[in-house]
Every structure is written in structure tokens, then in C-alpha cells.
């Protein structure tokens, strides 16, 4: 009778690597603990990616009031935009599926019916499907499979689209400013039109971005927006103060969308 190397897992004197020996004993327990930890962490952090949870009616009213106050001192226009995500990142779900398949197979290697390839394949497809579904449902889990370069790329592209879609490039003296927040990508982007940008350059927008990020990282999306609006309003008032013939070219509003 021939005994497979998997059937000898855990026996004294076998040549199995440490990870395979451990999986033979604790694989199912480790897999269950890993799934519970990942899902629990994602659920506890879900509010970070929910724009409306971070901006209830009172918070939105406070942001609009700050916007009106800031624009009362300048002819410039400020539009804050908060998106839950700048892209759906389907590749992140597929990567999560692949990782789930590999990790599940590794931890349960000693329990899989390798003599029945179709059953093994069915198991792997199921585990991969669970990984895909969890990444699709839980933004915090999906974020683990999005590179920082990709997050920056899609957020910057979306910010430019918002800038033009909202007409910030059509103000009289090119003084439109977009304060853009993308929650899934964890990016804040401040774009100033050429009129105000020529006065302040990149340094001011970078400092404003960092100030907003600091407030959001501390747990308050509202405070981040208020900080950003205040800084943008101050620099606009300094270089483009309100004039008697000023016309409000864009509505004073906070835009909150899923994507």
C-alpha cells in the first residue's frame, strides 16, 4: 500500500515543511480566525468609507455655512466634493479572490481531496468567490488590494473631471477652487484655477491638502472640510477680495456622492 505525503502530515520523521505540518493540525482554525479578523476589522472601519455617515445633516449644514462665510469675503468660488470612491476597482476584487484561493488552499492543504481534482477545483472556486464577494461588499478589505499609485491615479483623474464638470474653469477671473475628497482612495486633492494658482503656486495647495488630511485621519470628515474651506477662502480673500459688483457664479453647495 502506497501512502501519500499528505497522509503522513504530522507524523514524526516526515520531510514536510513546517507550514504544511502546521496546516495539518491547525489549518481550519487558522483560516476561520483569519476570516473573522479581516471581516470584523472591515466592519468596524466601514464608516470611514461612508460619506453620509461622516457627514450627517448637521455636518453638511455646518460645511455649507462655512462655504457661504468664506465666499462672502472673495470673488472666488469654492466647491467641496466628497466621493466614496473615484473608481470601482474591479481588479481589487479579483486580486482578493486570488489571495483567498491561495491562502485557503495552503491552510487546508492536508484536508483537501487531492485524489478528486474536481472537488478540489470546486473548493478553490468557492473560496475565491467568497474572497471576491467580501472585497466587493467591504471597502476596507478592497482597499488592501489597491496600490497607492493606482489610488492616486484614479483620484487625480476624477478630480480633474469634477473641476470641469462643475464649471470651475469658467469663472470670470479664473478663481475657482475644487476641494476634492475621495474616501476609498484616501486622497484629498485641491485644484485652483490659473488665476489663483498664479498667485499662490503649489505650496499653498499642498499645505491645504495636508491640513485636510490630518483632520480626516483624526476621525472627522466635517472638520477636514471646514479646515480646507477656511484655508481656501483666506487665500482667495487675500488675492481676490470681494467687489461691489461681485456675482455668485456657482451655487454654494457641498456635493456628496458615492462615485
Protein backbone atom coordinates (compact mmCIF):
# COMPACT_ATOMS: atom_id res chain seq x y z
CA UNK A 1 0.00 0.00 0.00
CA UNK A 2 1.34 3.39 -1.00
CA UNK A 3 0.83 6.28 1.43
CA UNK A 4 0.78 9.82 0.04
CA UNK A 5 2.92 12.50 1.62
CA UNK A 6 -0.25 14.37 2.64
CA UNK A 7 -1.45 11.35 4.59
CA UNK A 8 1.78 11.39 6.57
CA UNK A 9 1.42 15.01 7.63
CA UNK A 10 2.17 15.41 11.29
CA UNK A 11 3.94 12.07 11.69
CA UNK A 12 7.31 12.13 13.36
CA UNK A 13 10.22 11.92 10.95
CA UNK A 14 8.40 13.13 7.81
CA UNK A 15 10.02 15.66 5.49
CA UNK A 16 7.03 18.02 5.31
CA UNK A 17 7.89 21.72 5.71
CA UNK A 18 6.82 23.46 8.90
CA UNK A 19 3.91 25.31 7.29
CA UNK A 20 2.43 22.09 5.90
CA UNK A 21 2.76 20.33 9.25
CA UNK A 22 1.10 23.28 11.00
CA UNK A 23 -1.72 23.39 8.45
CA UNK A 24 -2.35 19.69 9.04
CA UNK A 25 -3.08 20.45 12.68
CA UNK A 26 -4.42 23.98 12.78
CA UNK A 27 -5.35 24.89 9.19
CA UNK A 28 -9.13 25.14 9.59
CA UNK A 29 -8.80 27.05 12.86
CA UNK A 30 -6.27 29.48 11.36
CA UNK A 31 -8.44 30.04 8.29
CA UNK A 32 -11.55 30.70 10.38
CA UNK A 33 -9.65 33.09 12.67
CA UNK A 34 -8.20 34.95 9.67
CA UNK A 35 -11.60 35.37 8.01
CA UNK A 36 -13.22 36.58 11.24
CA UNK A 37 -10.40 39.06 11.91
CA UNK A 38 -10.47 40.50 8.39
CA UNK A 39 -14.26 40.82 8.26
CA UNK A 40 -14.53 42.26 11.77
CA UNK A 41 -11.84 44.85 11.04
CA UNK A 42 -13.57 45.86 7.81
CA UNK A 43 -16.96 46.19 9.52
CA UNK A 44 -15.54 48.30 12.34
CA UNK A 45 -13.92 50.64 9.80
CA UNK A 46 -16.85 50.79 7.39
CA UNK A 47 -17.94 54.29 8.44
CA UNK A 48 -14.64 55.64 7.14
CA UNK A 49 -15.83 54.94 3.62
CA UNK A 50 -19.45 56.06 4.06
CA UNK A 51 -19.71 59.73 3.10
CA UNK A 52 -23.17 60.20 4.55
CA UNK A 53 -22.23 58.59 7.84
CA UNK A 54 -19.36 61.04 8.16
CA UNK A 55 -21.49 63.96 7.02
CA UNK A 56 -24.91 63.91 8.65
CA UNK A 57 -27.40 66.75 8.14
CA UNK A 58 -25.87 68.92 10.86
CA UNK A 59 -22.36 68.42 9.49
CA UNK A 60 -23.47 69.27 5.97
CA UNK A 61 -25.21 72.40 7.23
CA UNK A 62 -22.01 73.46 9.03
CA UNK A 63 -19.96 72.95 5.87
CA UNK A 64 -22.41 74.98 3.77
CA UNK A 65 -22.37 77.78 6.33
CA UNK A 66 -18.56 77.83 6.25
CA UNK A 67 -18.68 77.94 2.47
CA UNK A 68 -21.01 80.93 2.45
CA UNK A 69 -18.86 82.73 5.02
CA UNK A 70 -15.67 82.07 3.03
CA UNK A 71 -17.14 83.29 -0.26
CA UNK A 72 -18.59 86.42 1.37
CA UNK A 73 -15.02 87.79 1.51
CA UNK A 74 -13.89 86.94 -2.01
CA UNK A 75 -14.96 86.93 -5.63
CA UNK A 76 -13.55 83.41 -5.91
CA UNK A 77 -15.63 80.24 -5.95
CA UNK A 78 -15.06 77.17 -3.78
CA UNK A 79 -16.76 73.83 -4.40
CA UNK A 80 -16.19 70.92 -1.96
CA UNK A 81 -16.82 67.45 -3.37
CA UNK A 82 -16.80 64.22 -1.36
CA UNK A 83 -16.95 60.88 -3.15
CA UNK A 84 -16.99 57.49 -1.50
CA UNK A 85 -14.81 56.22 -4.33
CA UNK A 86 -13.26 57.51 -7.54
CA UNK A 87 -13.33 54.10 -9.21
CA UNK A 88 -14.92 50.71 -8.61
CA UNK A 89 -11.54 48.95 -8.78
CA UNK A 90 -12.77 45.60 -10.14
CA UNK A 91 -9.18 44.37 -10.29
CA UNK A 92 -9.00 44.61 -6.48
CA UNK A 93 -11.89 42.14 -6.14
CA UNK A 94 -10.19 39.67 -8.46
CA UNK A 95 -6.92 40.02 -6.60
CA UNK A 96 -8.75 39.39 -3.33
CA UNK A 97 -10.27 36.27 -4.91
CA UNK A 98 -6.83 35.00 -5.94
CA UNK A 99 -5.35 35.62 -2.49
CA UNK A 100 -8.32 33.90 -0.82
CA UNK A 101 -7.91 30.90 -3.12
CA UNK A 102 -4.18 30.59 -2.40
CA UNK A 103 -4.44 31.14 1.35
CA UNK A 104 -7.41 28.80 1.69
CA UNK A 105 -5.67 26.09 -0.29
CA UNK A 106 -2.45 26.47 1.72
CA UNK A 107 -4.14 26.32 5.11
CA UNK A 108 -6.34 23.36 4.16
CA UNK A 109 -3.79 21.52 2.04
CA UNK A 110 -3.91 18.45 4.26
CA UNK A 111 -7.70 18.29 4.22
CA UNK A 112 -8.42 18.64 0.52
CA UNK A 113 -9.33 15.52 -1.50
CA UNK A 114 -6.44 15.78 -3.94
CA UNK A 115 -7.41 12.40 -5.40
CA UNK A 116 -10.61 14.13 -6.63
CA UNK A 117 -9.42 17.09 -8.76
CA UNK A 118 -12.96 18.31 -9.49
CA UNK A 119 -13.75 18.59 -5.79
CA UNK A 120 -10.51 20.50 -5.20
CA UNK A 121 -11.35 22.83 -8.08
CA UNK A 122 -14.87 23.37 -6.72
CA UNK A 123 -13.42 24.23 -3.32
CA UNK A 124 -10.94 26.70 -4.80
CA UNK A 125 -13.61 28.39 -6.94
CA UNK A 126 -15.87 28.69 -3.90
CA UNK A 127 -13.15 30.17 -1.69
CA UNK A 128 -12.11 32.56 -4.46
CA UNK A 129 -15.75 33.59 -4.90
CA UNK A 130 -16.06 34.32 -1.19
CA UNK A 131 -12.92 36.46 -1.35
CA UNK A 132 -14.31 38.37 -4.35
CA UNK A 133 -17.67 38.92 -2.66
CA UNK A 134 -16.15 40.13 0.62
CA UNK A 135 -13.93 42.62 -1.23
CA UNK A 136 -16.95 43.87 -3.18
CA UNK A 137 -19.03 44.30 -0.01
CA UNK A 138 -16.36 45.64 2.36
CA UNK A 139 -14.47 48.77 1.20
CA UNK A 140 -11.78 48.40 3.86
CA UNK A 141 -10.94 44.92 2.58
CA UNK A 142 -10.95 46.07 -1.03
CA UNK A 143 -8.57 48.91 -0.12
CA UNK A 144 -5.94 46.33 0.88
CA UNK A 145 -5.71 45.30 -2.78
CA UNK A 146 -5.45 48.79 -4.29
CA UNK A 147 -1.95 50.14 -4.76
CA UNK A 148 -1.12 53.67 -3.69
CA UNK A 149 -0.13 54.53 -7.25
CA UNK A 150 -3.49 53.35 -8.56
CA UNK A 151 -5.35 55.24 -5.81
CA UNK A 152 -3.54 58.47 -6.70
CA UNK A 153 -4.09 57.99 -10.43
CA UNK A 154 -7.86 57.49 -10.28
CA UNK A 155 -8.41 60.20 -7.66
CA UNK A 156 -6.48 62.80 -9.65
CA UNK A 157 -8.30 61.87 -12.83
CA UNK A 158 -11.67 62.13 -11.10
CA UNK A 159 -10.76 65.48 -9.52
CA UNK A 160 -9.93 66.99 -12.91
CA UNK A 161 -13.23 65.70 -14.30
CA UNK A 162 -15.14 67.23 -11.38
CA UNK A 163 -13.34 70.55 -11.81
CA UNK A 164 -14.51 70.87 -15.41
CA UNK A 165 -17.92 69.26 -14.94
CA UNK A 166 -18.80 71.78 -12.23
CA UNK A 167 -17.67 74.74 -14.31
CA UNK A 168 -14.86 75.84 -12.02
CA UNK A 169 -12.74 76.62 -15.09
CA UNK A 170 -15.27 79.19 -16.31
CA UNK A 171 -15.22 81.78 -13.50
CA UNK A 172 -14.65 85.41 -14.52
CA UNK A 173 -11.13 85.75 -13.16
CA UNK A 174 -10.17 82.06 -13.14
CA UNK A 175 -10.53 81.88 -9.35
CA UNK A 176 -12.38 78.59 -8.97
CA UNK A 177 -11.11 76.15 -6.35
CA UNK A 178 -12.09 72.50 -6.02
CA UNK A 179 -11.72 70.77 -2.64
CA UNK A 180 -11.95 67.10 -3.55
CA UNK A 181 -12.06 64.16 -1.11
CA UNK A 182 -12.12 60.52 -2.24
CA UNK A 183 -12.70 58.22 0.72
CA UNK A 184 -11.84 54.76 -0.64
CA UNK A 185 -8.62 56.03 -2.18
CA UNK A 186 -7.87 58.13 0.94
CA UNK A 187 -6.96 61.10 -1.20
CA UNK A 188 -7.54 64.84 -0.84
CA UNK A 189 -6.89 67.00 -3.89
CA UNK A 190 -7.15 70.78 -4.04
CA UNK A 191 -7.25 72.28 -7.53
CA UNK A 192 -7.08 76.01 -8.11
CA UNK A 193 -7.75 77.62 -11.49
CA UNK A 194 -4.96 79.52 -13.22
CA UNK A 195 -5.95 82.91 -11.77
CA UNK A 196 -5.48 81.97 -8.13
CA UNK A 197 -2.81 79.35 -8.85
CA UNK A 198 -0.58 82.05 -10.37
CA UNK A 199 -0.75 83.92 -7.05
CA UNK A 200 -0.07 81.08 -4.61
CA UNK A 201 1.58 78.21 -6.51
CA UNK A 202 1.75 74.58 -5.45
CA UNK A 203 2.95 75.12 -1.89
CA UNK A 204 -0.34 76.53 -0.62
CA UNK A 205 -2.41 73.75 -2.16
CA UNK A 206 -0.05 71.13 -0.72
CA UNK A 207 -0.29 72.68 2.75
CA UNK A 208 -4.09 72.83 2.45
CA UNK A 209 -4.23 69.19 1.37
CA UNK A 210 -2.12 68.10 4.34
CA UNK A 211 -4.26 70.09 6.77
CA UNK A 212 -7.45 68.48 5.47
CA UNK A 213 -5.90 65.00 5.55
CA UNK A 214 -4.79 65.50 9.12
CA UNK A 215 -8.33 66.32 10.26
CA UNK A 216 -9.86 63.42 8.36
CA UNK A 217 -7.24 61.00 9.70
CA UNK A 218 -8.17 62.17 13.20
CA UNK A 219 -11.69 60.93 12.53
CA UNK A 220 -13.65 63.97 11.38
CA UNK A 221 -14.54 64.44 7.73
CA UNK A 222 -16.52 67.54 8.67
CA UNK A 223 -13.54 69.19 10.38
CA UNK A 224 -11.37 68.38 7.39
CA UNK A 225 -13.76 70.13 5.03
CA UNK A 226 -14.10 73.12 7.35
CA UNK A 227 -10.33 73.40 7.56
CA UNK A 228 -9.96 73.23 3.79
CA UNK A 229 -12.70 75.74 3.09
CA UNK A 230 -11.22 78.15 5.63
CA UNK A 231 -7.74 77.97 4.10
CA UNK A 232 -9.01 78.27 0.54
CA UNK A 233 -11.29 81.16 1.50
CA UNK A 234 -8.46 83.02 3.26
CA UNK A 235 -6.08 82.88 0.30
CA UNK A 236 -8.83 83.83 -2.14
CA UNK A 237 -9.83 86.81 0.03
CA UNK A 238 -6.22 87.93 0.19
CA UNK A 239 -5.65 87.95 -3.56
CA UNK A 240 -9.20 88.34 -4.89
CA UNK A 241 -11.26 90.24 -2.29
CA UNK A 242 -14.98 90.74 -2.75
CA UNK A 243 -16.00 93.52 -5.12
CA UNK A 244 -19.19 95.61 -5.17
CA UNK A 245 -20.24 94.13 -8.50
CA UNK A 246 -19.45 90.54 -7.49
CA UNK A 247 -21.85 87.87 -8.68
CA UNK A 248 -22.04 84.40 -7.16
CA UNK A 249 -21.13 82.42 -10.25
CA UNK A 250 -21.58 78.94 -8.75
CA UNK A 251 -24.04 77.65 -6.14
CA UNK A 252 -22.76 77.47 -2.55
CA UNK A 253 -23.13 73.74 -2.10
CA UNK A 254 -21.43 70.65 -0.79
CA UNK A 255 -21.53 67.72 -3.21
CA UNK A 256 -21.63 64.25 -1.67
CA UNK A 257 -21.87 61.19 -3.90
CA UNK A 258 -20.97 57.54 -3.89
CA UNK A 259 -18.88 57.89 -7.05
